[in-house]
PDB file of N, CA and C in Angstrom:
ATOM      1  N   UNK A   1       4.543 -10.684 -32.868  1.00  0.00           N
ATOM      2  CA  UNK A   1       4.958 -10.088 -31.136  1.00  0.00           C
ATOM      3  C   UNK A   1       3.334 -10.432 -30.676  1.00  0.00           C
ATOM      4  N   UNK A   2       4.127 -10.635 -29.404  1.00  0.00           N
ATOM      5  CA  UNK A   2       2.776 -10.450 -28.437  1.00  0.00           C
ATOM      6  C   UNK A   2       3.426 -10.141 -27.231  1.00  0.00           C
ATOM      7  N   UNK A   3       2.230  -9.100 -27.507  1.00  0.00           N
ATOM      8  CA  UNK A   3       2.075  -7.777 -27.011  1.00  0.00           C
ATOM      9  C   UNK A   3       2.425  -7.673 -25.552  1.00  0.00           C
ATOM     10  N   UNK A   4       1.861  -8.946 -24.674  1.00  0.00           N
ATOM     11  CA  UNK A   4       1.863  -8.970 -22.812  1.00  0.00           C
ATOM     12  C   UNK A   4       3.258 -10.630 -23.040  1.00  0.00           C
ATOM     13  N   UNK A   5       3.474 -11.279 -24.024  1.00  0.00           N
ATOM     14  CA  UNK A   5       4.611 -11.262 -23.834  1.00  0.00           C
ATOM     15  C   UNK A   5       5.557 -11.657 -23.238  1.00  0.00           C
ATOM     16  N   UNK A   6       6.073 -10.320 -22.993  1.00  0.00           N
ATOM     17  CA  UNK A   6       7.617  -9.137 -22.221  1.00  0.00           C
ATOM     18  C   UNK A   6       7.311  -8.644 -20.647  1.00  0.00           C
ATOM     19  N   UNK A   7       5.311  -8.975 -20.412  1.00  0.00           N
ATOM     20  CA  UNK A   7       5.254  -8.928 -18.801  1.00  0.00           C
ATOM     21  C   UNK A   7       5.803  -9.387 -18.121  1.00  0.00           C
ATOM     22  N   UNK A   8       5.725  -9.360 -16.709  1.00  0.00           N
ATOM     23  CA  UNK A   8       6.527  -9.359 -15.345  1.00  0.00           C
ATOM     24  C   UNK A   8       5.035 -10.414 -14.470  1.00  0.00           C
ATOM     25  N   UNK A   9       5.024 -11.126 -14.446  1.00  0.00           N
ATOM     26  CA  UNK A   9       4.096 -12.156 -13.945  1.00  0.00           C
ATOM     27  C   UNK A   9       3.956 -10.502 -12.495  1.00  0.00           C
ATOM     28  N   UNK A  10       2.469 -10.913 -12.197  1.00  0.00           N
ATOM     29  CA  UNK A  10       2.133 -10.366 -11.453  1.00  0.00           C
ATOM     30  C   UNK A  10       2.784 -10.918  -9.629  1.00  0.00           C
ATOM     31  N   UNK A  11       2.898  -9.994  -8.896  1.00  0.00           N
ATOM     32  CA  UNK A  11       3.299  -9.808  -7.685  1.00  0.00           C
ATOM     33  C   UNK A  11       2.665 -10.474  -6.754  1.00  0.00           C
ATOM     34  N   UNK A  12       3.711 -11.855  -5.666  1.00  0.00           N
ATOM     35  CA  UNK A  12       1.914 -12.430  -5.038  1.00  0.00           C
ATOM     36  C   UNK A  12       2.653 -12.368  -3.568  1.00  0.00           C
ATOM     37  N   UNK A  13       1.839 -12.161  -2.892  1.00  0.00           N
ATOM     38  CA  UNK A  13       2.370 -11.853  -1.171  1.00  0.00           C
ATOM     39  C   UNK A  13       2.278 -13.300  -1.046  1.00  0.00           C
ATOM     40  N   UNK A  14       3.591 -13.456  -0.571  1.00  0.00           N
ATOM     41  CA  UNK A  14       4.486 -14.516  -0.095  1.00  0.00           C
ATOM     42  C   UNK A  14       4.740 -13.900   2.120  1.00  0.00           C
ATOM     43  N   UNK A  15       4.060 -15.363   2.710  1.00  0.00           N
ATOM     44  CA  UNK A  15       4.509 -14.227   4.250  1.00  0.00           C
ATOM     45  C   UNK A  15       5.548 -15.497   4.704  1.00  0.00           C
ATOM     46  N   UNK A  16       6.752 -14.778   5.517  1.00  0.00           N
ATOM     47  CA  UNK A  16       7.483 -15.316   6.053  1.00  0.00           C
ATOM     48  C   UNK A  16       6.980 -15.670   7.889  1.00  0.00           C
ATOM     49  N   UNK A  17       6.644 -17.376   7.673  1.00  0.00           N
ATOM     50  CA  UNK A  17       5.886 -17.939   8.790  1.00  0.00           C
ATOM     51  C   UNK A  17       7.305 -17.566  10.191  1.00  0.00           C
ATOM     52  N   UNK A  18       8.517 -18.137   9.696  1.00  0.00           N
ATOM     53  CA  UNK A  18       9.259 -17.805  11.034  1.00  0.00           C
ATOM     54  C   UNK A  18       8.653 -16.261  11.294  1.00  0.00           C
ATOM     55  N   UNK A  19       7.956 -15.186  10.505  1.00  0.00           N
ATOM     56  CA  UNK A  19       9.066 -13.893  11.460  1.00  0.00           C
ATOM     57  C   UNK A  19       7.488 -13.963  12.136  1.00  0.00           C
ATOM     58  N   UNK A  20       6.738 -14.179  11.436  1.00  0.00           N
ATOM     59  CA  UNK A  20       4.686 -14.464  11.645  1.00  0.00           C
ATOM     60  C   UNK A  20       4.492 -14.439  12.829  1.00  0.00           C
ATOM     61  N   UNK A  21       3.777 -13.647  13.734  1.00  0.00           N
ATOM     62  CA  UNK A  21       3.339 -13.101  15.196  1.00  0.00           C
ATOM     63  C   UNK A  21       1.847 -13.558  15.336  1.00  0.00           C
ATOM     64  N   UNK A  22       1.032 -13.329  13.967  1.00  0.00           N
ATOM     65  CA  UNK A  22      -0.009 -13.964  14.232  1.00  0.00           C
ATOM     66  C   UNK A  22      -1.068 -13.086  14.551  1.00  0.00           C
ATOM     67  N   UNK A  23      -1.244 -11.728  14.327  1.00  0.00           N
ATOM     68  CA  UNK A  23      -1.663 -11.409  14.762  1.00  0.00           C
ATOM     69  C   UNK A  23      -3.187 -11.286  14.280  1.00  0.00           C
ATOM     70  N   UNK A  24      -2.680 -11.795  12.517  1.00  0.00           N
ATOM     71  CA  UNK A  24      -3.661 -11.537  12.589  1.00  0.00           C
ATOM     72  C   UNK A  24      -4.310 -10.067  11.144  1.00  0.00           C
ATOM     73  N   UNK A  25      -3.606  -9.153  11.387  1.00  0.00           N
ATOM     74  CA  UNK A  25      -3.890  -8.177  11.427  1.00  0.00           C
ATOM     75  C   UNK A  25      -3.857  -7.792   9.140  1.00  0.00           C
ATOM     76  N   UNK A  26      -3.461  -8.688   8.743  1.00  0.00           N
ATOM     77  CA  UNK A  26      -3.816  -8.949   7.530  1.00  0.00           C
ATOM     78  C   UNK A  26      -5.084  -9.239   7.100  1.00  0.00           C
ATOM     79  N   UNK A  27      -4.906 -10.693   8.561  1.00  0.00           N
ATOM     80  CA  UNK A  27      -6.440 -11.656   7.905  1.00  0.00           C
ATOM     81  C   UNK A  27      -7.450  -9.938   8.346  1.00  0.00           C
ATOM     82  N   UNK A  28      -7.430  -9.189   8.747  1.00  0.00           N
ATOM     83  CA  UNK A  28      -8.468  -8.661   9.034  1.00  0.00           C
ATOM     84  C   UNK A  28      -8.326  -7.119   7.661  1.00  0.00           C
ATOM     85  N   UNK A  29      -7.707  -6.916   7.511  1.00  0.00           N
ATOM     86  CA  UNK A  29      -7.631  -5.607   6.396  1.00  0.00           C
ATOM     87  C   UNK A  29      -7.269  -6.311   4.640  1.00  0.00           C
ATOM     88  N   UNK A  30      -7.955  -7.600   4.595  1.00  0.00           N
ATOM     89  CA  UNK A  30      -8.061  -8.511   3.353  1.00  0.00           C
ATOM     90  C   UNK A  30      -8.495  -9.512   3.193  1.00  0.00           C
ATOM     91  N   UNK A  31      -9.807  -9.529   4.039  1.00  0.00           N
ATOM     92  CA  UNK A  31     -10.346 -11.199   4.849  1.00  0.00           C
ATOM     93  C   UNK A  31     -10.318 -11.941   3.085  1.00  0.00           C
ATOM     94  N   UNK A  32     -10.086 -11.542   2.176  1.00  0.00           N
ATOM     95  CA  UNK A  32     -10.235 -12.400   0.781  1.00  0.00           C
ATOM     96  C   UNK A  32      -9.178 -13.440   0.003  1.00  0.00           C
ATOM     97  N   UNK A  33      -8.153 -11.827   0.599  1.00  0.00           N
ATOM     98  CA  UNK A  33      -6.673 -12.291   0.010  1.00  0.00           C
ATOM     99  C   UNK A  33      -5.469 -13.992   1.122  1.00  0.00           C
ATOM    100  N   UNK A  34      -5.886 -13.079   3.062  1.00  0.00           N
ATOM    101  CA  UNK A  34      -5.905 -14.053   4.060  1.00  0.00           C
ATOM    102  C   UNK A  34      -6.248 -14.254   4.917  1.00  0.00           C
ATOM    103  N   UNK A  35      -6.056 -15.825   5.406  1.00  0.00           N
ATOM    104  CA  UNK A  35      -6.594 -16.264   6.058  1.00  0.00           C
ATOM    105  C   UNK A  35      -5.751 -17.223   6.909  1.00  0.00           C
ATOM    106  N   UNK A  36      -6.419 -17.324   8.470  1.00  0.00           N
ATOM    107  CA  UNK A  36      -5.624 -18.243   9.542  1.00  0.00           C
ATOM    108  C   UNK A  36      -6.305 -20.292   8.572  1.00  0.00           C
ATOM    109  N   UNK A  37      -5.405 -21.143   8.337  1.00  0.00           N
ATOM    110  CA  UNK A  37      -5.792 -22.378   8.018  1.00  0.00           C
ATOM    111  C   UNK A  37      -6.160 -22.993   9.024  1.00  0.00           C
ATOM    112  N   UNK A  38      -6.622 -23.823   9.570  1.00  0.00           N
ATOM    113  CA  UNK A  38      -6.573 -25.079  10.594  1.00  0.00           C
ATOM    114  C   UNK A  38      -5.618 -25.046  11.376  1.00  0.00           C
ATOM    115  N   UNK A  39      -4.473 -25.115  10.092  1.00  0.00           N
ATOM    116  CA  UNK A  39      -2.802 -25.220  11.560  1.00  0.00           C
ATOM    117  C   UNK A  39      -2.938 -24.154  12.283  1.00  0.00           C
ATOM    118  N   UNK A  40      -3.708 -23.021  12.737  1.00  0.00           N
ATOM    119  CA  UNK A  40      -3.654 -21.502  13.187  1.00  0.00           C
ATOM    120  C   UNK A  40      -2.521 -20.816  12.508  1.00  0.00           C
ATOM    121  N   UNK A  41      -1.836 -20.551  10.977  1.00  0.00           N
ATOM    122  CA  UNK A  41      -1.065 -20.438  10.426  1.00  0.00           C
ATOM    123  C   UNK A  41      -1.643 -19.422   9.227  1.00  0.00           C
ATOM    124  N   UNK A  42      -0.701 -18.255   9.382  1.00  0.00           N
ATOM    125  CA  UNK A  42      -1.665 -17.511   8.427  1.00  0.00           C
ATOM    126  C   UNK A  42      -1.549 -17.591   6.691  1.00  0.00           C
ATOM    127  N   UNK A  43      -2.366 -17.549   5.761  1.00  0.00           N
ATOM    128  CA  UNK A  43      -2.104 -18.900   4.393  1.00  0.00           C
ATOM    129  C   UNK A  43      -2.571 -17.999   3.545  1.00  0.00           C
ATOM    130  N   UNK A  44      -2.324 -17.637   2.565  1.00  0.00           N
ATOM    131  CA  UNK A  44      -2.332 -17.009   1.133  1.00  0.00           C
ATOM    132  C   UNK A  44      -3.846 -17.339   0.653  1.00  0.00           C
ATOM    133  N   UNK A  45      -4.890 -16.959  -0.023  1.00  0.00           N
ATOM    134  CA  UNK A  45      -6.011 -17.689  -0.971  1.00  0.00           C
ATOM    135  C   UNK A  45      -5.442 -17.051  -1.617  1.00  0.00           C
ATOM    136  N   UNK A  46      -5.490 -18.062  -2.859  1.00  0.00           N
ATOM    137  CA  UNK A  46      -5.494 -18.509  -4.394  1.00  0.00           C
ATOM    138  C   UNK A  46      -5.915 -17.384  -4.770  1.00  0.00           C
ATOM    139  N   UNK A  47      -5.336 -16.467  -5.436  1.00  0.00           N
ATOM    140  CA  UNK A  47      -6.635 -14.626  -6.425  1.00  0.00           C
ATOM    141  C   UNK A  47      -6.002 -15.176  -7.497  1.00  0.00           C
ATOM    142  N   UNK A  48      -6.661 -14.605  -8.369  1.00  0.00           N
ATOM    143  CA  UNK A  48      -5.447 -13.874  -9.994  1.00  0.00           C
ATOM    144  C   UNK A  48      -5.064 -12.901  -9.442  1.00  0.00           C
ATOM    145  N   UNK A  49      -4.976 -11.299  -8.783  1.00  0.00           N
ATOM    146  CA  UNK A  49      -4.537 -10.559  -8.985  1.00  0.00           C
ATOM    147  C   UNK A  49      -4.597 -10.268  -7.136  1.00  0.00           C
ATOM    148  N   UNK A  50      -3.172  -9.422  -7.372  1.00  0.00           N
ATOM    149  CA  UNK A  50      -3.469  -9.525  -5.507  1.00  0.00           C
ATOM    150  C   UNK A  50      -2.681  -7.783  -4.880  1.00  0.00           C
ATOM    151  N   UNK A  51      -3.620  -6.674  -6.643  1.00  0.00           N
ATOM    152  CA  UNK A  51      -2.753  -5.014  -6.108  1.00  0.00           C
ATOM    153  C   UNK A  51      -3.994  -4.789  -5.509  1.00  0.00           C
ATOM    154  N   UNK A  52      -5.086  -4.801  -5.373  1.00  0.00           N
ATOM    155  CA  UNK A  52      -5.586  -3.967  -4.369  1.00  0.00           C
ATOM    156  C   UNK A  52      -5.894  -3.019  -3.456  1.00  0.00           C
ATOM    157  N   UNK A  53      -6.012  -2.519  -3.077  1.00  0.00           N
ATOM    158  CA  UNK A  53      -5.993  -1.694  -1.352  1.00  0.00           C
ATOM    159  C   UNK A  53      -5.803  -2.544  -0.380  1.00  0.00           C
ATOM    160  N   UNK A  54      -6.203  -3.535  -0.022  1.00  0.00           N
ATOM    161  CA  UNK A  54      -6.791  -4.027   0.710  1.00  0.00           C
ATOM    162  C   UNK A  54      -5.415  -4.544   1.400  1.00  0.00           C
ATOM    163  N   UNK A  55      -5.472  -5.150   0.303  1.00  0.00           N
ATOM    164  CA  UNK A  55      -4.591  -5.801   0.137  1.00  0.00           C
ATOM    165  C   UNK A  55      -2.615  -5.814   0.412  1.00  0.00           C
ATOM    166  N   UNK A  56      -2.977  -4.518  -0.178  1.00  0.00           N
ATOM    167  CA  UNK A  56      -1.708  -3.794  -0.337  1.00  0.00           C
ATOM    168  C   UNK A  56      -1.756  -3.282   0.810  1.00  0.00           C
ATOM    169  N   UNK A  57      -2.801  -2.609   1.591  1.00  0.00           N
ATOM    170  CA  UNK A  57      -2.779  -2.034   2.495  1.00  0.00           C
ATOM    171  C   UNK A  57      -2.304  -3.242   3.759  1.00  0.00           C
ATOM    172  N   UNK A  58      -2.751  -4.081   3.792  1.00  0.00           N
ATOM    173  CA  UNK A  58      -2.583  -5.826   4.615  1.00  0.00           C
ATOM    174  C   UNK A  58      -1.145  -5.535   4.744  1.00  0.00           C
ATOM    175  N   UNK A  59      -0.262  -6.107   3.477  1.00  0.00           N
ATOM    176  CA  UNK A  59       1.540  -6.192   3.509  1.00  0.00           C
ATOM    177  C   UNK A  59       2.462  -4.654   4.023  1.00  0.00           C
ATOM    178  N   UNK A  60       1.426  -3.354   4.123  1.00  0.00           N
ATOM    179  CA  UNK A  60       2.378  -2.144   4.581  1.00  0.00           C
ATOM    180  C   UNK A  60       1.800  -2.164   5.736  1.00  0.00           C
ATOM    181  N   UNK A  61       1.071  -2.789   6.130  1.00  0.00           N
ATOM    182  CA  UNK A  61       0.859  -2.505   7.242  1.00  0.00           C
ATOM    183  C   UNK A  61       0.847  -3.716   8.627  1.00  0.00           C
ATOM    184  N   UNK A  62       1.905  -4.298   8.234  1.00  0.00           N
ATOM    185  CA  UNK A  62       2.277  -5.867   8.819  1.00  0.00           C
ATOM    186  C   UNK A  62       2.874  -5.242   9.963  1.00  0.00           C
ATOM    187  N   UNK A  63       2.918  -5.532  11.333  1.00  0.00           N
ATOM    188  CA  UNK A  63       4.042  -5.180  12.300  1.00  0.00           C
ATOM    189  C   UNK A  63       5.599  -5.534  12.398  1.00  0.00           C
ATOM    190  N   UNK A  64       5.264  -7.204  11.579  1.00  0.00           N
ATOM    191  CA  UNK A  64       6.103  -7.281  11.691  1.00  0.00           C
ATOM    192  C   UNK A  64       7.454  -7.424  10.415  1.00  0.00           C
ATOM    193  N   UNK A  65       7.166  -7.194   9.350  1.00  0.00           N
ATOM    194  CA  UNK A  65       6.728  -6.566   7.580  1.00  0.00           C
ATOM    195  C   UNK A  65       7.944  -8.069   7.375  1.00  0.00           C
ATOM    196  N   UNK A  66       6.000  -8.769   7.403  1.00  0.00           N
ATOM    197  CA  UNK A  66       6.911 -10.612   7.466  1.00  0.00           C
ATOM    198  C   UNK A  66       6.149 -10.791   5.633  1.00  0.00           C
ATOM    199  N   UNK A  67       4.943  -9.986   5.123  1.00  0.00           N
ATOM    200  CA  UNK A  67       5.154  -9.974   4.522  1.00  0.00           C
ATOM    201  C   UNK A  67       5.053  -9.703   2.998  1.00  0.00           C
ATOM    202  N   UNK A  68       6.540  -9.956   2.112  1.00  0.00           N
ATOM    203  CA  UNK A  68       6.777  -9.380   0.441  1.00  0.00           C
ATOM    204  C   UNK A  68       5.620 -10.233  -0.320  1.00  0.00           C
ATOM    205  N   UNK A  69       5.893  -8.516  -1.379  1.00  0.00           N
ATOM    206  CA  UNK A  69       5.158  -8.824  -2.821  1.00  0.00           C
ATOM    207  C   UNK A  69       5.725  -9.284  -3.486  1.00  0.00           C
ATOM    208  N   UNK A  70       5.893 -10.717  -4.326  1.00  0.00           N
ATOM    209  CA  UNK A  70       7.399 -11.760  -4.860  1.00  0.00           C
ATOM    210  C   UNK A  70       6.365 -12.084  -6.268  1.00  0.00           C
TER     211      UNK A  70
END
């Protein structure tokens, strides 16, 4: 039996761009996980894990609650 086989996939932040007011709080708190793309929208930077303190703080401090962990 593979011990890691039944583990859930790690949570990844997902930004609701219709809700986002482009305040850049997430970018300021976790620049390694979020960035403003060339089109001027928040983008999640591909990482292996998003459970570090800064990323979770960015998710929790979004003023419009536009970021959820999925």
